[in-house]
Amino acid sequence: MSIEVNDESGESVDGERISALARHVLDRLKVHPQAELSVLAVDVDTMSSLHVQWMDEEGPTDVLSFPMDELRPGRDDEEPEPGLLGDVVLCPAVAATQAAAAGHSTAEELDLLTTHGILHLLGYDHAEPEEEREMFGLQTELLRDWADVGRGGTG
């Protein structure tokens, strides 16, 4: 599995942690081992520009996802397809503000946002209440598993 993490945010982002978490999530969701994922951490100005350009919304957001090959989680009864999963763009400055409000570390918030972004790449959404329950339930389960394997820590 190819996971590329680039930090252009000017913040302190643990690329190894994000890469390991992404690998954990993709493995748990049975994504093909040759799938490719890119994670990019950007500053507030860059995220604000992307947010306007792609979502037509002002100001920065915490995470954006840009799917490529419309890959879906693998199933036990079929072989997953290889391909380009897409890009997850994180804004660590926004994550830090949200982490402080939630009472946990920025690293934990970036874990949540990375997982959330990957789920979007795999076709999950939260526009409708039922979709939200499914996506956020899976997100919680994946993050709990991540913490259970000792990698989540409090960073």
N, C-alpha and C. Protein backbone atom coordinates (compact mmCIF):
# COMPACT_ATOMS: atom_id res chain seq x y z
N MET A 1 0.85 -1.17 0.00
CA MET A 1 0.00 0.00 0.00
C MET A 1 0.90 1.23 0.00
N SER A 2 0.59 2.16 -0.86
CA SER A 2 1.38 3.38 -0.95
C SER A 2 0.63 4.52 -0.27
N ILE A 3 1.22 5.02 0.82
CA ILE A 3 0.63 6.13 1.55
C ILE A 3 1.69 7.22 1.64
N GLU A 4 1.40 8.34 1.03
CA GLU A 4 2.33 9.46 1.03
C GLU A 4 1.76 10.57 1.91
N VAL A 5 2.55 11.03 2.88
CA VAL A 5 2.14 12.12 3.76
C VAL A 5 3.10 13.28 3.56
N ASN A 6 2.55 14.44 3.22
CA ASN A 6 3.36 15.64 3.04
C ASN A 6 2.84 16.73 3.97
N ASP A 7 3.77 17.41 4.62
CA ASP A 7 3.40 18.48 5.54
C ASP A 7 3.86 19.82 4.98
N GLU A 8 2.88 20.60 4.52
CA GLU A 8 3.15 21.95 4.03
C GLU A 8 2.46 22.98 4.92
N SER A 9 2.16 22.59 6.15
CA SER A 9 1.34 23.41 7.04
C SER A 9 2.15 24.39 7.88
N GLY A 10 3.43 24.12 8.09
CA GLY A 10 4.21 24.93 9.00
C GLY A 10 3.97 24.56 10.45
N GLU A 11 3.14 23.55 10.68
CA GLU A 11 2.84 23.05 12.04
C GLU A 11 3.69 21.80 12.28
N SER A 12 3.57 21.26 13.46
CA SER A 12 4.27 20.02 13.76
C SER A 12 3.32 18.85 13.53
N VAL A 13 3.48 18.18 12.40
CA VAL A 13 2.61 17.07 12.04
C VAL A 13 3.44 15.79 12.01
N ASP A 14 2.97 14.76 12.70
CA ASP A 14 3.67 13.49 12.77
C ASP A 14 3.25 12.63 11.58
N GLY A 15 4.02 12.74 10.50
CA GLY A 15 3.70 12.02 9.27
C GLY A 15 3.72 10.52 9.44
N GLU A 16 4.64 10.01 10.28
CA GLU A 16 4.70 8.56 10.50
C GLU A 16 3.43 8.07 11.19
N ARG A 17 2.93 8.83 12.15
CA ARG A 17 1.70 8.45 12.85
C ARG A 17 0.52 8.44 11.88
N ILE A 18 0.41 9.50 11.07
CA ILE A 18 -0.69 9.59 10.11
C ILE A 18 -0.61 8.44 9.10
N SER A 19 0.58 8.12 8.64
CA SER A 19 0.76 7.03 7.69
C SER A 19 0.38 5.69 8.33
N ALA A 20 0.81 5.45 9.55
CA ALA A 20 0.48 4.20 10.24
C ALA A 20 -1.03 4.09 10.48
N LEU A 21 -1.65 5.19 10.88
CA LEU A 21 -3.11 5.18 11.08
C LEU A 21 -3.82 4.90 9.76
N ALA A 22 -3.42 5.57 8.69
CA ALA A 22 -4.05 5.35 7.39
C ALA A 22 -3.92 3.89 6.96
N ARG A 23 -2.75 3.31 7.17
CA ARG A 23 -2.54 1.90 6.83
C ARG A 23 -3.47 1.02 7.67
N HIS A 24 -3.60 1.32 8.95
CA HIS A 24 -4.50 0.58 9.84
C HIS A 24 -5.94 0.65 9.33
N VAL A 25 -6.40 1.84 9.00
CA VAL A 25 -7.78 2.03 8.53
C VAL A 25 -8.00 1.27 7.22
N LEU A 26 -7.08 1.42 6.28
CA LEU A 26 -7.23 0.78 4.98
C LEU A 26 -7.17 -0.74 5.10
N ASP A 27 -6.30 -1.25 5.97
CA ASP A 27 -6.24 -2.70 6.20
C ASP A 27 -7.55 -3.21 6.79
N ARG A 28 -8.05 -2.50 7.80
CA ARG A 28 -9.31 -2.91 8.45
C ARG A 28 -10.48 -2.89 7.48
N LEU A 29 -10.44 -1.99 6.51
CA LEU A 29 -11.54 -1.89 5.55
C LEU A 29 -11.28 -2.72 4.29
N LYS A 30 -10.24 -3.54 4.34
CA LYS A 30 -9.92 -4.48 3.27
C LYS A 30 -9.73 -3.80 1.90
N VAL A 31 -9.06 -2.65 1.94
CA VAL A 31 -8.72 -1.96 0.70
C VAL A 31 -7.52 -2.67 0.09
N HIS A 32 -7.50 -2.78 -1.22
CA HIS A 32 -6.45 -3.50 -1.94
C HIS A 32 -5.07 -3.03 -1.49
N PRO A 33 -4.15 -3.97 -1.27
CA PRO A 33 -2.81 -3.60 -0.79
C PRO A 33 -2.00 -2.73 -1.77
N GLN A 34 -2.44 -2.64 -3.02
CA GLN A 34 -1.74 -1.78 -3.97
C GLN A 34 -2.43 -0.43 -4.16
N ALA A 35 -3.42 -0.14 -3.33
CA ALA A 35 -4.09 1.16 -3.41
C ALA A 35 -3.11 2.26 -3.02
N GLU A 36 -3.37 3.46 -3.54
CA GLU A 36 -2.50 4.60 -3.26
C GLU A 36 -3.31 5.72 -2.61
N LEU A 37 -2.74 6.30 -1.56
CA LEU A 37 -3.37 7.38 -0.81
C LEU A 37 -2.35 8.49 -0.59
N SER A 38 -2.83 9.72 -0.71
CA SER A 38 -1.99 10.88 -0.41
C SER A 38 -2.67 11.68 0.70
N VAL A 39 -1.88 12.07 1.71
CA VAL A 39 -2.38 12.93 2.78
C VAL A 39 -1.49 14.17 2.78
N LEU A 40 -2.14 15.32 2.75
CA LEU A 40 -1.42 16.59 2.70
C LEU A 40 -1.91 17.48 3.84
N ALA A 41 -0.98 17.99 4.64
CA ALA A 41 -1.30 18.95 5.68
C ALA A 41 -0.95 20.34 5.16
N VAL A 42 -1.91 21.26 5.27
CA VAL A 42 -1.74 22.60 4.71
C VAL A 42 -2.02 23.67 5.76
N ASP A 43 -1.63 24.90 5.44
CA ASP A 43 -1.89 26.03 6.35
C ASP A 43 -3.32 26.55 6.15
N VAL A 44 -3.71 27.47 7.00
CA VAL A 44 -5.08 28.00 7.00
C VAL A 44 -5.42 28.67 5.67
N ASP A 45 -4.50 29.47 5.12
CA ASP A 45 -4.78 30.18 3.86
C ASP A 45 -5.02 29.20 2.71
N THR A 46 -4.18 28.17 2.64
CA THR A 46 -4.35 27.17 1.58
C THR A 46 -5.67 26.43 1.74
N MET A 47 -5.99 26.04 2.98
CA MET A 47 -7.25 25.33 3.20
C MET A 47 -8.44 26.23 2.90
N SER A 48 -8.36 27.49 3.25
CA SER A 48 -9.45 28.42 2.93
C SER A 48 -9.67 28.51 1.43
N SER A 49 -8.57 28.58 0.67
CA SER A 49 -8.68 28.63 -0.80
C SER A 49 -9.31 27.37 -1.36
N LEU A 50 -8.87 26.22 -0.87
CA LEU A 50 -9.45 24.95 -1.32
C LEU A 50 -10.92 24.84 -0.96
N HIS A 51 -11.27 25.31 0.23
CA HIS A 51 -12.66 25.25 0.70
C HIS A 51 -13.58 26.07 -0.21
N VAL A 52 -13.13 27.26 -0.59
CA VAL A 52 -13.91 28.10 -1.51
C VAL A 52 -13.97 27.45 -2.89
N GLN A 53 -12.82 27.00 -3.38
CA GLN A 53 -12.74 26.44 -4.73
C GLN A 53 -13.61 25.20 -4.90
N TRP A 54 -13.59 24.29 -3.93
CA TRP A 54 -14.24 23.00 -4.10
C TRP A 54 -15.60 22.87 -3.41
N MET A 55 -15.82 23.65 -2.34
CA MET A 55 -17.08 23.52 -1.61
C MET A 55 -17.91 24.81 -1.66
N ASP A 56 -17.33 25.86 -2.25
CA ASP A 56 -17.98 27.16 -2.33
C ASP A 56 -18.38 27.69 -0.95
N GLU A 57 -17.49 27.43 0.02
CA GLU A 57 -17.71 27.90 1.40
C GLU A 57 -16.50 28.69 1.86
N GLU A 58 -16.75 29.81 2.50
CA GLU A 58 -15.68 30.70 2.97
C GLU A 58 -15.00 30.12 4.22
N GLY A 59 -13.75 30.50 4.39
CA GLY A 59 -12.99 30.15 5.59
C GLY A 59 -12.41 28.76 5.51
N PRO A 60 -11.49 28.47 6.43
CA PRO A 60 -10.86 27.15 6.42
C PRO A 60 -11.80 26.08 6.99
N THR A 61 -11.53 24.85 6.62
CA THR A 61 -12.20 23.71 7.21
C THR A 61 -11.13 22.77 7.75
N ASP A 62 -11.53 21.73 8.42
CA ASP A 62 -10.57 20.83 9.05
C ASP A 62 -10.01 19.78 8.10
N VAL A 63 -10.86 19.25 7.20
CA VAL A 63 -10.43 18.18 6.30
C VAL A 63 -11.25 18.23 5.01
N LEU A 64 -10.58 17.96 3.91
CA LEU A 64 -11.25 17.80 2.61
C LEU A 64 -10.75 16.49 2.00
N SER A 65 -11.63 15.84 1.25
CA SER A 65 -11.28 14.58 0.60
C SER A 65 -11.54 14.71 -0.90
N PHE A 66 -10.59 14.19 -1.67
CA PHE A 66 -10.69 14.23 -3.12
C PHE A 66 -10.51 12.81 -3.67
N PRO A 67 -11.62 12.08 -3.84
CA PRO A 67 -11.52 10.70 -4.33
C PRO A 67 -11.07 10.65 -5.78
N MET A 68 -10.40 9.56 -6.14
CA MET A 68 -9.91 9.39 -7.51
C MET A 68 -10.64 8.26 -8.23
N ASP A 69 -10.38 7.02 -7.85
CA ASP A 69 -10.90 5.87 -8.60
C ASP A 69 -12.18 5.28 -8.01
N GLU A 70 -12.81 5.98 -7.09
CA GLU A 70 -14.05 5.52 -6.47
C GLU A 70 -13.92 4.10 -5.91
N LEU A 71 -12.81 3.84 -5.22
CA LEU A 71 -12.63 2.55 -4.57
C LEU A 71 -13.59 2.45 -3.39
N ARG A 72 -13.97 1.23 -3.06
CA ARG A 72 -14.87 0.97 -1.93
C ARG A 72 -14.20 -0.04 -1.02
N PRO A 73 -14.64 -0.11 0.24
CA PRO A 73 -14.08 -1.13 1.14
C PRO A 73 -14.26 -2.51 0.53
N GLY A 74 -13.30 -3.40 0.81
CA GLY A 74 -13.39 -4.76 0.32
C GLY A 74 -14.43 -5.55 1.11
N ARG A 75 -14.89 -6.62 0.50
CA ARG A 75 -15.84 -7.51 1.18
C ARG A 75 -15.23 -8.89 1.23
N ASP A 76 -15.68 -9.67 2.19
CA ASP A 76 -15.14 -11.01 2.36
C ASP A 76 -15.37 -11.89 1.14
N ASP A 77 -16.43 -11.64 0.37
CA ASP A 77 -16.78 -12.51 -0.74
C ASP A 77 -16.24 -12.04 -2.09
N GLU A 78 -15.40 -11.01 -2.09
CA GLU A 78 -14.84 -10.55 -3.36
C GLU A 78 -13.46 -9.94 -3.16
N GLU A 79 -12.67 -9.99 -4.22
CA GLU A 79 -11.33 -9.42 -4.21
C GLU A 79 -11.42 -7.90 -4.37
N PRO A 80 -10.75 -7.11 -3.51
CA PRO A 80 -10.79 -5.65 -3.69
C PRO A 80 -10.02 -5.24 -4.94
N GLU A 81 -10.35 -4.06 -5.45
CA GLU A 81 -9.70 -3.55 -6.65
C GLU A 81 -8.54 -2.63 -6.28
N PRO A 82 -7.43 -2.71 -7.03
CA PRO A 82 -6.34 -1.75 -6.81
C PRO A 82 -6.71 -0.42 -7.47
N GLY A 83 -6.02 0.62 -7.10
CA GLY A 83 -6.24 1.91 -7.74
C GLY A 83 -5.81 3.06 -6.87
N LEU A 84 -6.10 4.25 -7.35
CA LEU A 84 -5.79 5.48 -6.61
C LEU A 84 -6.98 5.80 -5.71
N LEU A 85 -6.76 5.77 -4.43
CA LEU A 85 -7.82 6.10 -3.49
C LEU A 85 -8.14 7.59 -3.57
N GLY A 86 -7.11 8.41 -3.52
CA GLY A 86 -7.30 9.85 -3.64
C GLY A 86 -6.47 10.61 -2.63
N ASP A 87 -6.92 11.84 -2.35
CA ASP A 87 -6.18 12.75 -1.47
C ASP A 87 -7.03 13.16 -0.29
N VAL A 88 -6.40 13.19 0.89
CA VAL A 88 -7.00 13.78 2.09
C VAL A 88 -6.16 15.00 2.42
N VAL A 89 -6.82 16.15 2.58
CA VAL A 89 -6.12 17.39 2.92
C VAL A 89 -6.54 17.79 4.33
N LEU A 90 -5.56 17.94 5.20
CA LEU A 90 -5.79 18.29 6.61
C LEU A 90 -5.31 19.71 6.89
N CYS A 91 -5.97 20.38 7.82
CA CYS A 91 -5.50 21.69 8.28
C CYS A 91 -5.20 21.58 9.78
N PRO A 92 -3.93 21.36 10.14
CA PRO A 92 -3.56 21.18 11.54
C PRO A 92 -3.93 22.37 12.44
N ALA A 93 -3.91 23.59 11.92
CA ALA A 93 -4.27 24.75 12.75
C ALA A 93 -5.74 24.68 13.17
N VAL A 94 -6.61 24.30 12.24
CA VAL A 94 -8.03 24.12 12.58
C VAL A 94 -8.18 22.94 13.51
N ALA A 95 -7.44 21.87 13.26
CA ALA A 95 -7.48 20.68 14.12
C ALA A 95 -7.09 21.03 15.55
N ALA A 96 -6.08 21.89 15.71
CA ALA A 96 -5.63 22.28 17.05
C ALA A 96 -6.73 23.01 17.81
N THR A 97 -7.44 23.89 17.14
CA THR A 97 -8.55 24.62 17.78
C THR A 97 -9.65 23.66 18.19
N GLN A 98 -9.98 22.73 17.28
CA GLN A 98 -11.04 21.76 17.58
C GLN A 98 -10.61 20.81 18.70
N ALA A 99 -9.35 20.43 18.73
CA ALA A 99 -8.83 19.54 19.77
C ALA A 99 -8.95 20.20 21.14
N ALA A 100 -8.58 21.47 21.21
CA ALA A 100 -8.67 22.20 22.48
C ALA A 100 -10.12 22.26 22.97
N ALA A 101 -11.04 22.51 22.05
CA ALA A 101 -12.46 22.57 22.42
C ALA A 101 -12.99 21.21 22.86
N ALA A 102 -12.46 20.13 22.27
CA ALA A 102 -12.92 18.78 22.59
C ALA A 102 -12.19 18.18 23.79
N GLY A 103 -11.11 18.81 24.21
CA GLY A 103 -10.37 18.33 25.37
C GLY A 103 -9.44 17.17 25.09
N HIS A 104 -8.92 17.08 23.86
CA HIS A 104 -7.91 16.06 23.57
C HIS A 104 -6.78 16.69 22.75
N SER A 105 -5.79 15.89 22.42
CA SER A 105 -4.60 16.42 21.74
C SER A 105 -4.86 16.69 20.26
N THR A 106 -4.02 17.53 19.70
CA THR A 106 -4.09 17.79 18.26
C THR A 106 -3.82 16.51 17.48
N ALA A 107 -2.90 15.68 17.96
CA ALA A 107 -2.62 14.41 17.27
C ALA A 107 -3.87 13.54 17.21
N GLU A 108 -4.63 13.49 18.30
CA GLU A 108 -5.87 12.71 18.30
C GLU A 108 -6.90 13.30 17.34
N GLU A 109 -6.95 14.62 17.26
CA GLU A 109 -7.86 15.26 16.32
C GLU A 109 -7.45 14.96 14.89
N LEU A 110 -6.15 14.99 14.62
CA LEU A 110 -5.68 14.64 13.28
C LEU A 110 -5.95 13.17 12.96
N ASP A 111 -5.90 12.30 13.96
CA ASP A 111 -6.29 10.89 13.76
C ASP A 111 -7.75 10.83 13.31
N LEU A 112 -8.60 11.54 14.02
CA LEU A 112 -10.03 11.55 13.69
C LEU A 112 -10.25 12.09 12.29
N LEU A 113 -9.61 13.20 11.97
CA LEU A 113 -9.81 13.83 10.66
C LEU A 113 -9.25 12.98 9.53
N THR A 114 -8.12 12.31 9.76
CA THR A 114 -7.56 11.42 8.74
C THR A 114 -8.51 10.27 8.48
N THR A 115 -9.01 9.66 9.54
CA THR A 115 -9.97 8.56 9.41
C THR A 115 -11.23 9.04 8.69
N HIS A 116 -11.74 10.19 9.08
CA HIS A 116 -12.93 10.77 8.47
C HIS A 116 -12.71 10.99 6.97
N GLY A 117 -11.56 11.56 6.63
CA GLY A 117 -11.24 11.82 5.23
C GLY A 117 -11.14 10.55 4.41
N ILE A 118 -10.52 9.51 4.97
CA ILE A 118 -10.41 8.24 4.26
C ILE A 118 -11.80 7.63 4.04
N LEU A 119 -12.65 7.71 5.05
CA LEU A 119 -14.01 7.18 4.87
C LEU A 119 -14.74 7.90 3.74
N HIS A 120 -14.55 9.21 3.63
CA HIS A 120 -15.15 9.93 2.51
C HIS A 120 -14.60 9.41 1.17
N LEU A 121 -13.29 9.15 1.12
CA LEU A 121 -12.70 8.63 -0.12
C LEU A 121 -13.32 7.29 -0.51
N LEU A 122 -13.75 6.54 0.50
CA LEU A 122 -14.32 5.21 0.26
C LEU A 122 -15.84 5.26 0.07
N GLY A 123 -16.38 6.46 -0.09
CA GLY A 123 -17.79 6.59 -0.43
C GLY A 123 -18.74 6.83 0.73
N TYR A 124 -18.22 6.91 1.93
CA TYR A 124 -19.09 7.19 3.08
C TYR A 124 -19.42 8.68 3.11
N ASP A 125 -20.61 8.99 3.63
CA ASP A 125 -21.05 10.37 3.73
C ASP A 125 -21.89 10.53 4.99
N HIS A 126 -22.19 11.77 5.32
CA HIS A 126 -23.00 12.02 6.51
C HIS A 126 -24.05 13.08 6.25
N ALA A 127 -24.54 13.13 5.01
CA ALA A 127 -25.56 14.12 4.64
C ALA A 127 -26.92 13.76 5.24
N GLU A 128 -27.21 12.49 5.34
CA GLU A 128 -28.48 12.02 5.89
C GLU A 128 -28.24 11.37 7.24
N PRO A 129 -29.22 11.42 8.15
CA PRO A 129 -29.03 10.85 9.49
C PRO A 129 -28.56 9.39 9.50
N GLU A 130 -29.11 8.56 8.62
CA GLU A 130 -28.71 7.15 8.58
C GLU A 130 -27.26 7.01 8.13
N GLU A 131 -26.88 7.80 7.11
CA GLU A 131 -25.49 7.79 6.63
C GLU A 131 -24.55 8.26 7.74
N GLU A 132 -24.97 9.30 8.45
CA GLU A 132 -24.15 9.84 9.53
C GLU A 132 -23.92 8.80 10.61
N ARG A 133 -24.96 8.09 11.01
CA ARG A 133 -24.82 7.06 12.04
C ARG A 133 -23.84 5.98 11.58
N GLU A 134 -23.97 5.55 10.32
CA GLU A 134 -23.08 4.52 9.80
C GLU A 134 -21.63 5.01 9.76
N MET A 135 -21.43 6.18 9.18
CA MET A 135 -20.07 6.69 9.01
C MET A 135 -19.40 6.98 10.35
N PHE A 136 -20.11 7.68 11.24
CA PHE A 136 -19.51 8.05 12.51
C PHE A 136 -19.33 6.83 13.41
N GLY A 137 -20.23 5.84 13.28
CA GLY A 137 -20.06 4.60 14.04
C GLY A 137 -18.81 3.86 13.61
N LEU A 138 -18.61 3.76 12.30
CA LEU A 138 -17.42 3.10 11.77
C LEU A 138 -16.17 3.89 12.14
N GLN A 139 -16.23 5.20 12.06
CA GLN A 139 -15.10 6.06 12.44
C GLN A 139 -14.71 5.81 13.89
N THR A 140 -15.69 5.76 14.78
CA THR A 140 -15.44 5.52 16.20
C THR A 140 -14.80 4.15 16.41
N GLU A 141 -15.33 3.15 15.71
CA GLU A 141 -14.80 1.78 15.82
C GLU A 141 -13.35 1.72 15.35
N LEU A 142 -13.05 2.34 14.22
CA LEU A 142 -11.69 2.33 13.69
C LEU A 142 -10.72 3.03 14.63
N LEU A 143 -11.14 4.15 15.20
CA LEU A 143 -10.27 4.89 16.12
C LEU A 143 -10.08 4.13 17.44
N ARG A 144 -11.12 3.44 17.89
CA ARG A 144 -11.00 2.63 19.09
C ARG A 144 -10.01 1.49 18.84
N ASP A 145 -10.11 0.84 17.68
CA ASP A 145 -9.17 -0.22 17.32
C ASP A 145 -7.74 0.32 17.27
N TRP A 146 -7.59 1.51 16.70
CA TRP A 146 -6.28 2.16 16.60
C TRP A 146 -5.68 2.36 17.99
N ALA A 147 -6.49 2.84 18.92
CA ALA A 147 -6.02 3.05 20.29
C ALA A 147 -5.71 1.70 20.95
N ASP A 148 -6.53 0.69 20.68
CA ASP A 148 -6.35 -0.63 21.30
C ASP A 148 -5.05 -1.30 20.89
N VAL A 149 -4.60 -1.04 19.67
CA VAL A 149 -3.35 -1.66 19.22
C VAL A 149 -2.14 -0.87 19.72
N GLY A 150 -2.39 0.13 20.55
CA GLY A 150 -1.31 0.87 21.19
C GLY A 150 -0.67 1.94 20.36
N ARG A 151 -1.27 2.25 19.22
CA ARG A 151 -0.66 3.26 18.35
C ARG A 151 -1.31 4.62 18.51
N GLY A 152 -2.51 4.64 19.06
CA GLY A 152 -3.23 5.89 19.16
C GLY A 152 -2.68 6.84 20.19
N GLY A 153 -2.23 6.32 21.31
CA GLY A 153 -1.65 7.14 22.36
C GLY A 153 -2.33 8.49 22.52
N THR A 154 -1.73 9.38 23.22
CA THR A 154 -2.29 10.72 23.39
C THR A 154 -1.47 11.76 22.67
N GLY A 155 -0.33 11.36 22.10
CA GLY A 155 0.54 12.20 21.28
C GLY A 155 0.54 13.60 21.61
